[in-house]
Amino acid sequence: FGAMDGLVTNIALIAGVGGGGVSPRSIVLTGVAGLVAG
């Protein structure tokens, strides 16, 4: 459950902020924050 949730959560987070047109650095920041918090 943890592995699947980690994959889906960060894929969805990256897709969401990436779809909003943010910079790669912001995508990495968002992904790392999602990893730690999740």
PDB file of all heavy atoms in Angstrom:
ATOM      1  N   PHE A   1       0.827  -1.199   0.000  1.00  0.00           N
ATOM      2  CA  PHE A   1       0.000   0.000   0.000  1.00  0.00           C
ATOM      3  C   PHE A   1       0.864   1.252   0.000  1.00  0.00           C
ATOM      4  O   PHE A   1       0.565   2.232  -0.697  1.00  0.00           O
ATOM      5  CB  PHE A   1      -0.908  -0.017   1.231  1.00  0.00           C
ATOM      6  CG  PHE A   1      -1.866   1.144   1.298  1.00  0.00           C
ATOM      7  CD1 PHE A   1      -2.806   1.337   0.305  1.00  0.00           C
ATOM      8  CD2 PHE A   1      -1.817   2.035   2.349  1.00  0.00           C
ATOM      9  CE1 PHE A   1      -3.678   2.409   0.361  1.00  0.00           C
ATOM     10  CE2 PHE A   1      -2.683   3.104   2.419  1.00  0.00           C
ATOM     11  CZ  PHE A   1      -3.635   3.295   1.425  1.00  0.00           C
ATOM     12  N   GLY A   2       1.951   1.241   0.779  1.00  0.00           N
ATOM     13  CA  GLY A   2       2.825   2.400   0.842  1.00  0.00           C
ATOM     14  C   GLY A   2       3.503   2.692  -0.482  1.00  0.00           C
ATOM     15  O   GLY A   2       3.552   3.839  -0.930  1.00  0.00           O
ATOM     16  N   ALA A   3       4.033   1.644  -1.133  1.00  0.00           N
ATOM     17  CA  ALA A   3       4.710   1.842  -2.414  1.00  0.00           C
ATOM     18  C   ALA A   3       3.744   2.359  -3.479  1.00  0.00           C
ATOM     19  O   ALA A   3       4.061   3.296  -4.227  1.00  0.00           O
ATOM     20  CB  ALA A   3       5.353   0.538  -2.877  1.00  0.00           C
ATOM     21  N   MET A   4       2.567   1.752  -3.556  1.00  0.00           N
ATOM     22  CA  MET A   4       1.580   2.192  -4.538  1.00  0.00           C
ATOM     23  C   MET A   4       1.126   3.618  -4.263  1.00  0.00           C
ATOM     24  O   MET A   4       1.010   4.445  -5.177  1.00  0.00           O
ATOM     25  CB  MET A   4       0.366   1.254  -4.524  1.00  0.00           C
ATOM     26  CG  MET A   4       0.641  -0.147  -4.989  1.00  0.00           C
ATOM     27  SD  MET A   4       1.237  -0.181  -6.706  1.00  0.00           S
ATOM     28  CE  MET A   4       1.398  -1.950  -6.927  1.00  0.00           C
ATOM     29  N   ASP A   5       0.897   3.917  -2.995  1.00  0.00           N
ATOM     30  CA  ASP A   5       0.441   5.257  -2.641  1.00  0.00           C
ATOM     31  C   ASP A   5       1.515   6.289  -2.927  1.00  0.00           C
ATOM     32  O   ASP A   5       1.224   7.399  -3.397  1.00  0.00           O
ATOM     33  CB  ASP A   5       0.041   5.294  -1.167  1.00  0.00           C
ATOM     34  CG  ASP A   5      -0.831   6.491  -0.832  1.00  0.00           C
ATOM     35  OD1 ASP A   5      -1.519   6.986  -1.734  1.00  0.00           O
ATOM     36  OD2 ASP A   5      -0.819   6.930   0.325  1.00  0.00           O
ATOM     37  N   GLY A   6       2.775   5.927  -2.629  1.00  0.00           N
ATOM     38  CA  GLY A   6       3.863   6.857  -2.920  1.00  0.00           C
ATOM     39  C   GLY A   6       3.984   7.147  -4.407  1.00  0.00           C
ATOM     40  O   GLY A   6       4.165   8.299  -4.824  1.00  0.00           O
ATOM     41  N   LEU A   7       3.884   6.114  -5.220  1.00  0.00           N
ATOM     42  CA  LEU A   7       3.945   6.283  -6.669  1.00  0.00           C
ATOM     43  C   LEU A   7       2.801   7.154  -7.178  1.00  0.00           C
ATOM     44  O   LEU A   7       3.016   8.153  -7.873  1.00  0.00           O
ATOM     45  CB  LEU A   7       3.906   4.920  -7.359  1.00  0.00           C
ATOM     46  CG  LEU A   7       5.227   4.157  -7.445  1.00  0.00           C
ATOM     47  CD1 LEU A   7       4.969   2.680  -7.701  1.00  0.00           C
ATOM     48  CD2 LEU A   7       6.103   4.738  -8.548  1.00  0.00           C
ATOM     49  N   VAL A   8       1.583   6.764  -6.834  1.00  0.00           N
ATOM     50  CA  VAL A   8       0.412   7.481  -7.350  1.00  0.00           C
ATOM     51  C   VAL A   8       0.381   8.911  -6.836  1.00  0.00           C
ATOM     52  O   VAL A   8       0.109   9.852  -7.600  1.00  0.00           O
ATOM     53  CB  VAL A   8      -0.884   6.736  -6.974  1.00  0.00           C
ATOM     54  CG1 VAL A   8      -2.108   7.559  -7.374  1.00  0.00           C
ATOM     55  CG2 VAL A   8      -0.929   5.376  -7.647  1.00  0.00           C
ATOM     56  N   THR A   9       0.669   9.093  -5.544  1.00  0.00           N
ATOM     57  CA  THR A   9       0.622  10.441  -4.963  1.00  0.00           C
ATOM     58  C   THR A   9       1.594  11.381  -5.654  1.00  0.00           C
ATOM     59  O   THR A   9       1.222  12.499  -6.063  1.00  0.00           O
ATOM     60  CB  THR A   9       0.937  10.378  -3.457  1.00  0.00           C
ATOM     61  OG1 THR A   9      -0.077   9.631  -2.789  1.00  0.00           O
ATOM     62  CG2 THR A   9       1.003  11.784  -2.855  1.00  0.00           C
ATOM     63  N   ASN A  10       2.857  10.970  -5.804  1.00  0.00           N
ATOM     64  CA  ASN A  10       3.831  11.888  -6.382  1.00  0.00           C
ATOM     65  C   ASN A  10       3.687  12.016  -7.895  1.00  0.00           C
ATOM     66  O   ASN A  10       3.974  13.076  -8.464  1.00  0.00           O
ATOM     67  CB  ASN A  10       5.253  11.482  -5.997  1.00  0.00           C
ATOM     68  CG  ASN A  10       5.838  12.468  -5.002  1.00  0.00           C
ATOM     69  OD1 ASN A  10       5.120  13.275  -4.417  1.00  0.00           O
ATOM     70  ND2 ASN A  10       7.142  12.418  -4.805  1.00  0.00           N
ATOM     71  N   ILE A  11       3.262  10.960  -8.568  1.00  0.00           N
ATOM     72  CA  ILE A  11       2.983  11.100 -10.000  1.00  0.00           C
ATOM     73  C   ILE A  11       1.874  12.119 -10.208  1.00  0.00           C
ATOM     74  O   ILE A  11       1.962  12.999 -11.082  1.00  0.00           O
ATOM     75  CB  ILE A  11       2.599   9.735 -10.608  1.00  0.00           C
ATOM     76  CG1 ILE A  11       3.833   8.830 -10.695  1.00  0.00           C
ATOM     77  CG2 ILE A  11       1.984   9.909 -12.000  1.00  0.00           C
ATOM     78  CD1 ILE A  11       3.509   7.407 -11.099  1.00  0.00           C
ATOM     79  N   ALA A  12       0.811  12.012  -9.398  1.00  0.00           N
ATOM     80  CA  ALA A  12      -0.298  12.958  -9.522  1.00  0.00           C
ATOM     81  C   ALA A  12       0.131  14.375  -9.130  1.00  0.00           C
ATOM     82  O   ALA A  12      -0.262  15.356  -9.780  1.00  0.00           O
ATOM     83  CB  ALA A  12      -1.469  12.496  -8.657  1.00  0.00           C
ATOM     84  N   LEU A  13       0.942  14.509  -8.077  1.00  0.00           N
ATOM     85  CA  LEU A  13       1.418  15.833  -7.672  1.00  0.00           C
ATOM     86  C   LEU A  13       2.257  16.478  -8.761  1.00  0.00           C
ATOM     87  O   LEU A  13       2.067  17.651  -9.113  1.00  0.00           O
ATOM     88  CB  LEU A  13       2.257  15.703  -6.391  1.00  0.00           C
ATOM     89  CG  LEU A  13       1.563  15.862  -5.054  1.00  0.00           C
ATOM     90  CD1 LEU A  13       2.550  15.603  -3.918  1.00  0.00           C
ATOM     91  CD2 LEU A  13       0.950  17.243  -4.919  1.00  0.00           C
ATOM     92  N   ILE A  14       3.195  15.701  -9.297  1.00  0.00           N
ATOM     93  CA  ILE A  14       4.072  16.224 -10.346  1.00  0.00           C
ATOM     94  C   ILE A  14       3.263  16.585 -11.595  1.00  0.00           C
ATOM     95  O   ILE A  14       3.499  17.621 -12.228  1.00  0.00           O
ATOM     96  CB  ILE A  14       5.165  15.191 -10.672  1.00  0.00           C
ATOM     97  CG1 ILE A  14       6.145  15.083  -9.507  1.00  0.00           C
ATOM     98  CG2 ILE A  14       5.915  15.565 -11.950  1.00  0.00           C
ATOM     99  CD1 ILE A  14       7.136  13.948  -9.643  1.00  0.00           C
ATOM    100  N   ALA A  15       2.306  15.739 -11.935  1.00  0.00           N
ATOM    101  CA  ALA A  15       1.468  16.036 -13.101  1.00  0.00           C
ATOM    102  C   ALA A  15       0.661  17.300 -12.877  1.00  0.00           C
ATOM    103  O   ALA A  15       0.499  18.118 -13.791  1.00  0.00           O
ATOM    104  CB  ALA A  15       0.549  14.856 -13.385  1.00  0.00           C
ATOM    105  N   GLY A  16       0.146  17.469 -11.656  1.00  0.00           N
ATOM    106  CA  GLY A  16      -0.671  18.639 -11.370  1.00  0.00           C
ATOM    107  C   GLY A  16       0.098  19.942 -11.437  1.00  0.00           C
ATOM    108  O   GLY A  16      -0.319  20.884 -12.118  1.00  0.00           O
ATOM    109  N   VAL A  17       1.238  20.007 -10.741  1.00  0.00           N
ATOM    110  CA  VAL A  17       2.002  21.258 -10.758  1.00  0.00           C
ATOM    111  C   VAL A  17       2.680  21.457 -12.116  1.00  0.00           C
ATOM    112  O   VAL A  17       2.840  22.598 -12.585  1.00  0.00           O
ATOM    113  CB  VAL A  17       3.033  21.293  -9.617  1.00  0.00           C
ATOM    114  CG1 VAL A  17       2.336  21.296  -8.267  1.00  0.00           C
ATOM    115  CG2 VAL A  17       4.012  20.133  -9.712  1.00  0.00           C
ATOM    116  N   GLY A  18       3.081  20.332 -12.739  1.00  0.00           N
ATOM    117  CA  GLY A  18       3.670  20.454 -14.077  1.00  0.00           C
ATOM    118  C   GLY A  18       2.659  20.953 -15.085  1.00  0.00           C
ATOM    119  O   GLY A  18       2.981  21.762 -15.963  1.00  0.00           O
ATOM    120  N   GLY A  19       1.403  20.490 -14.944  1.00  0.00           N
ATOM    121  CA  GLY A  19       0.356  20.982 -15.836  1.00  0.00           C
ATOM    122  C   GLY A  19       0.072  22.456 -15.648  1.00  0.00           C
ATOM    123  O   GLY A  19      -0.399  23.133 -16.564  1.00  0.00           O
ATOM    124  N   GLY A  20       0.368  22.955 -14.456  1.00  0.00           N
ATOM    125  CA  GLY A  20       0.179  24.378 -14.189  1.00  0.00           C
ATOM    126  C   GLY A  20       1.291  25.247 -14.737  1.00  0.00           C
ATOM    127  O   GLY A  20       1.221  26.477 -14.641  1.00  0.00           O
ATOM    128  N   GLY A  21       2.338  24.616 -15.290  1.00  0.00           N
ATOM    129  CA  GLY A  21       3.402  25.371 -15.938  1.00  0.00           C
ATOM    130  C   GLY A  21       4.488  25.878 -15.017  1.00  0.00           C
ATOM    131  O   GLY A  21       5.207  26.826 -15.382  1.00  0.00           O
ATOM    132  N   VAL A  22       4.666  25.265 -13.849  1.00  0.00           N
ATOM    133  CA  VAL A  22       5.703  25.750 -12.940  1.00  0.00           C
ATOM    134  C   VAL A  22       7.079  25.263 -13.414  1.00  0.00           C
ATOM    135  O   VAL A  22       7.187  24.388 -14.272  1.00  0.00           O
ATOM    136  CB  VAL A  22       5.443  25.285 -11.490  1.00  0.00           C
ATOM    137  CG1 VAL A  22       4.080  25.748 -11.011  1.00  0.00           C
ATOM    138  CG2 VAL A  22       5.560  23.773 -11.389  1.00  0.00           C
ATOM    139  N   SER A  23       8.127  25.789 -12.814  1.00  0.00           N
ATOM    140  CA  SER A  23       9.486  25.441 -13.203  1.00  0.00           C
ATOM    141  C   SER A  23       9.865  24.049 -12.696  1.00  0.00           C
ATOM    142  O   SER A  23       9.270  23.542 -11.746  1.00  0.00           O
ATOM    143  CB  SER A  23      10.465  26.463 -12.618  1.00  0.00           C
ATOM    144  OG  SER A  23      10.494  26.364 -11.202  1.00  0.00           O
ATOM    145  N   PRO A  24      10.859  23.424 -13.345  1.00  0.00           N
ATOM    146  CA  PRO A  24      11.334  22.118 -12.857  1.00  0.00           C
ATOM    147  C   PRO A  24      11.754  22.155 -11.392  1.00  0.00           C
ATOM    148  O   PRO A  24      11.539  21.183 -10.661  1.00  0.00           O
ATOM    149  CB  PRO A  24      12.520  21.818 -13.778  1.00  0.00           C
ATOM    150  CG  PRO A  24      12.197  22.527 -15.045  1.00  0.00           C
ATOM    151  CD  PRO A  24      11.515  23.801 -14.617  1.00  0.00           C
ATOM    152  N   ARG A  25      12.354  23.250 -10.957  1.00  0.00           N
ATOM    153  CA  ARG A  25      12.776  23.347  -9.547  1.00  0.00           C
ATOM    154  C   ARG A  25      11.563  23.296  -8.622  1.00  0.00           C
ATOM    155  O   ARG A  25      11.604  22.653  -7.567  1.00  0.00           O
ATOM    156  CB  ARG A  25      13.547  24.647  -9.329  1.00  0.00           C
ATOM    157  CG  ARG A  25      14.171  24.769  -7.942  1.00  0.00           C
ATOM    158  CD  ARG A  25      15.058  26.009  -7.844  1.00  0.00           C
ATOM    159  NE  ARG A  25      15.745  26.066  -6.559  1.00  0.00           N
ATOM    160  CZ  ARG A  25      15.195  26.534  -5.439  1.00  0.00           C
ATOM    161  NH1 ARG A  25      13.954  26.994  -5.463  1.00  0.00           N
ATOM    162  NH2 ARG A  25      15.883  26.550  -4.314  1.00  0.00           N
ATOM    163  N   SER A  26      10.479  23.956  -9.021  1.00  0.00           N
ATOM    164  CA  SER A  26       9.264  23.928  -8.205  1.00  0.00           C
ATOM    165  C   SER A  26       8.639  22.539  -8.199  1.00  0.00           C
ATOM    166  O   SER A  26       8.071  22.103  -7.193  1.00  0.00           O
ATOM    167  CB  SER A  26       8.251  24.952  -8.741  1.00  0.00           C
ATOM    168  OG  SER A  26       8.752  26.261  -8.615  1.00  0.00           O
ATOM    169  N   ILE A  27       8.765  21.829  -9.326  1.00  0.00           N
ATOM    170  CA  ILE A  27       8.248  20.459  -9.387  1.00  0.00           C
ATOM    171  C   ILE A  27       9.013  19.571  -8.417  1.00  0.00           C
ATOM    172  O   ILE A  27       8.419  18.764  -7.690  1.00  0.00           O
ATOM    173  CB  ILE A  27       8.336  19.913 -10.824  1.00  0.00           C
ATOM    174  CG1 ILE A  27       7.360  20.658 -11.733  1.00  0.00           C
ATOM    175  CG2 ILE A  27       8.057  18.410 -10.840  1.00  0.00           C
ATOM    176  CD1 ILE A  27       7.437  20.242 -13.187  1.00  0.00           C
ATOM    177  N   VAL A  28      10.345  19.713  -8.401  1.00  0.00           N
ATOM    178  CA  VAL A  28      11.156  18.920  -7.483  1.00  0.00           C
ATOM    179  C   VAL A  28      10.802  19.254  -6.035  1.00  0.00           C
ATOM    180  O   VAL A  28      10.660  18.354  -5.190  1.00  0.00           O
ATOM    181  CB  VAL A  28      12.652  19.154  -7.738  1.00  0.00           C
ATOM    182  CG1 VAL A  28      13.489  18.481  -6.654  1.00  0.00           C
ATOM    183  CG2 VAL A  28      13.050  18.630  -9.112  1.00  0.00           C
ATOM    184  N   LEU A  29      10.663  20.533  -5.727  1.00  0.00           N
ATOM    185  CA  LEU A  29      10.311  20.948  -4.374  1.00  0.00           C
ATOM    186  C   LEU A  29       8.972  20.349  -3.954  1.00  0.00           C
ATOM    187  O   LEU A  29       8.817  19.828  -2.841  1.00  0.00           O
ATOM    188  CB  LEU A  29      10.260  22.477  -4.293  1.00  0.00           C
ATOM    189  CG  LEU A  29       9.837  23.066  -2.935  1.00  0.00           C
ATOM    190  CD1 LEU A  29      10.805  22.636  -1.847  1.00  0.00           C
ATOM    191  CD2 LEU A  29       9.753  24.590  -3.019  1.00  0.00           C
ATOM    192  N   THR A  30       8.009  20.417  -4.868  1.00  0.00           N
ATOM    193  CA  THR A  30       6.688  19.855  -4.579  1.00  0.00           C
ATOM    194  C   THR A  30       6.778  18.349  -4.358  1.00  0.00           C
ATOM    195  O   THR A  30       6.167  17.800  -3.427  1.00  0.00           O
ATOM    196  CB  THR A  30       5.720  20.145  -5.734  1.00  0.00           C
ATOM    197  OG1 THR A  30       5.606  21.564  -5.918  1.00  0.00           O
ATOM    198  CG2 THR A  30       4.346  19.566  -5.465  1.00  0.00           C
ATOM    199  N   GLY A  31       7.542  17.672  -5.219  1.00  0.00           N
ATOM    200  CA  GLY A  31       7.671  16.225  -5.098  1.00  0.00           C
ATOM    201  C   GLY A  31       8.350  15.800  -3.806  1.00  0.00           C
ATOM    202  O   GLY A  31       7.926  14.841  -3.154  1.00  0.00           O
ATOM    203  N   VAL A  32       9.408  16.510  -3.424  1.00  0.00           N
ATOM    204  CA  VAL A  32      10.112  16.180  -2.187  1.00  0.00           C
ATOM    205  C   VAL A  32       9.223  16.447  -0.976  1.00  0.00           C
ATOM    206  O   VAL A  32       9.179  15.650  -0.022  1.00  0.00           O
ATOM    207  CB  VAL A  32      11.426  16.980  -2.085  1.00  0.00           C
ATOM    208  CG1 VAL A  32      12.051  16.800  -0.702  1.00  0.00           C
ATOM    209  CG2 VAL A  32      12.398  16.530  -3.165  1.00  0.00           C
ATOM    210  N   ALA A  33       8.504  17.562  -1.013  1.00  0.00           N
ATOM    211  CA  ALA A  33       7.582  17.863   0.088  1.00  0.00           C
ATOM    212  C   ALA A  33       6.495  16.793   0.179  1.00  0.00           C
ATOM    213  O   ALA A  33       6.129  16.345   1.277  1.00  0.00           O
ATOM    214  CB  ALA A  33       6.948  19.234  -0.117  1.00  0.00           C
ATOM    215  N   GLY A  34       5.986  16.361  -0.968  1.00  0.00           N
ATOM    216  CA  GLY A  34       4.983  15.305  -0.976  1.00  0.00           C
ATOM    217  C   GLY A  34       5.536  13.996  -0.444  1.00  0.00           C
ATOM    218  O   GLY A  34       4.846  13.255   0.259  1.00  0.00           O
ATOM    219  N   LEU A  35       6.781  13.699  -0.784  1.00  0.00           N
ATOM    220  CA  LEU A  35       7.428  12.467  -0.301  1.00  0.00           C
ATOM    221  C   LEU A  35       7.546  12.486   1.224  1.00  0.00           C
ATOM    222  O   LEU A  35       7.149  11.516   1.893  1.00  0.00           O
ATOM    223  CB  LEU A  35       8.807  12.335  -0.939  1.00  0.00           C
ATOM    224  CG  LEU A  35       9.619  11.061  -0.686  1.00  0.00           C
ATOM    225  CD1 LEU A  35      10.657  10.885  -1.783  1.00  0.00           C
ATOM    226  CD2 LEU A  35      10.330  11.078   0.667  1.00  0.00           C
ATOM    227  N   VAL A  36       8.087  13.578   1.751  1.00  0.00           N
ATOM    228  CA  VAL A  36       8.314  13.641   3.201  1.00  0.00           C
ATOM    229  C   VAL A  36       6.989  13.638   3.964  1.00  0.00           C
ATOM    230  O   VAL A  36       6.799  12.865   4.911  1.00  0.00           O
ATOM    231  CB  VAL A  36       9.134  14.894   3.557  1.00  0.00           C
ATOM    232  CG1 VAL A  36       9.242  15.038   5.082  1.00  0.00           C
ATOM    233  CG2 VAL A  36      10.513  14.816   2.930  1.00  0.00           C
ATOM    234  N   ALA A  37       6.068  14.512   3.538  1.00  0.00           N
ATOM    235  CA  ALA A  37       4.782  14.587   4.239  1.00  0.00           C
ATOM    236  C   ALA A  37       4.003  13.282   4.121  1.00  0.00           C
ATOM    237  O   ALA A  37       3.420  12.798   5.099  1.00  0.00           O
ATOM    238  CB  ALA A  37       3.958  15.746   3.668  1.00  0.00           C
ATOM    239  N   GLY A  38       4.000  12.708   2.932  1.00  0.00           N
ATOM    240  CA  GLY A  38       3.257  11.472   2.729  1.00  0.00           C
ATOM    241  C   GLY A  38       3.832  10.301   3.503  1.00  0.00           C
ATOM    242  O   GLY A  38       3.098   9.500   4.074  1.00  0.00           O
TER     243      GLY A  38
END
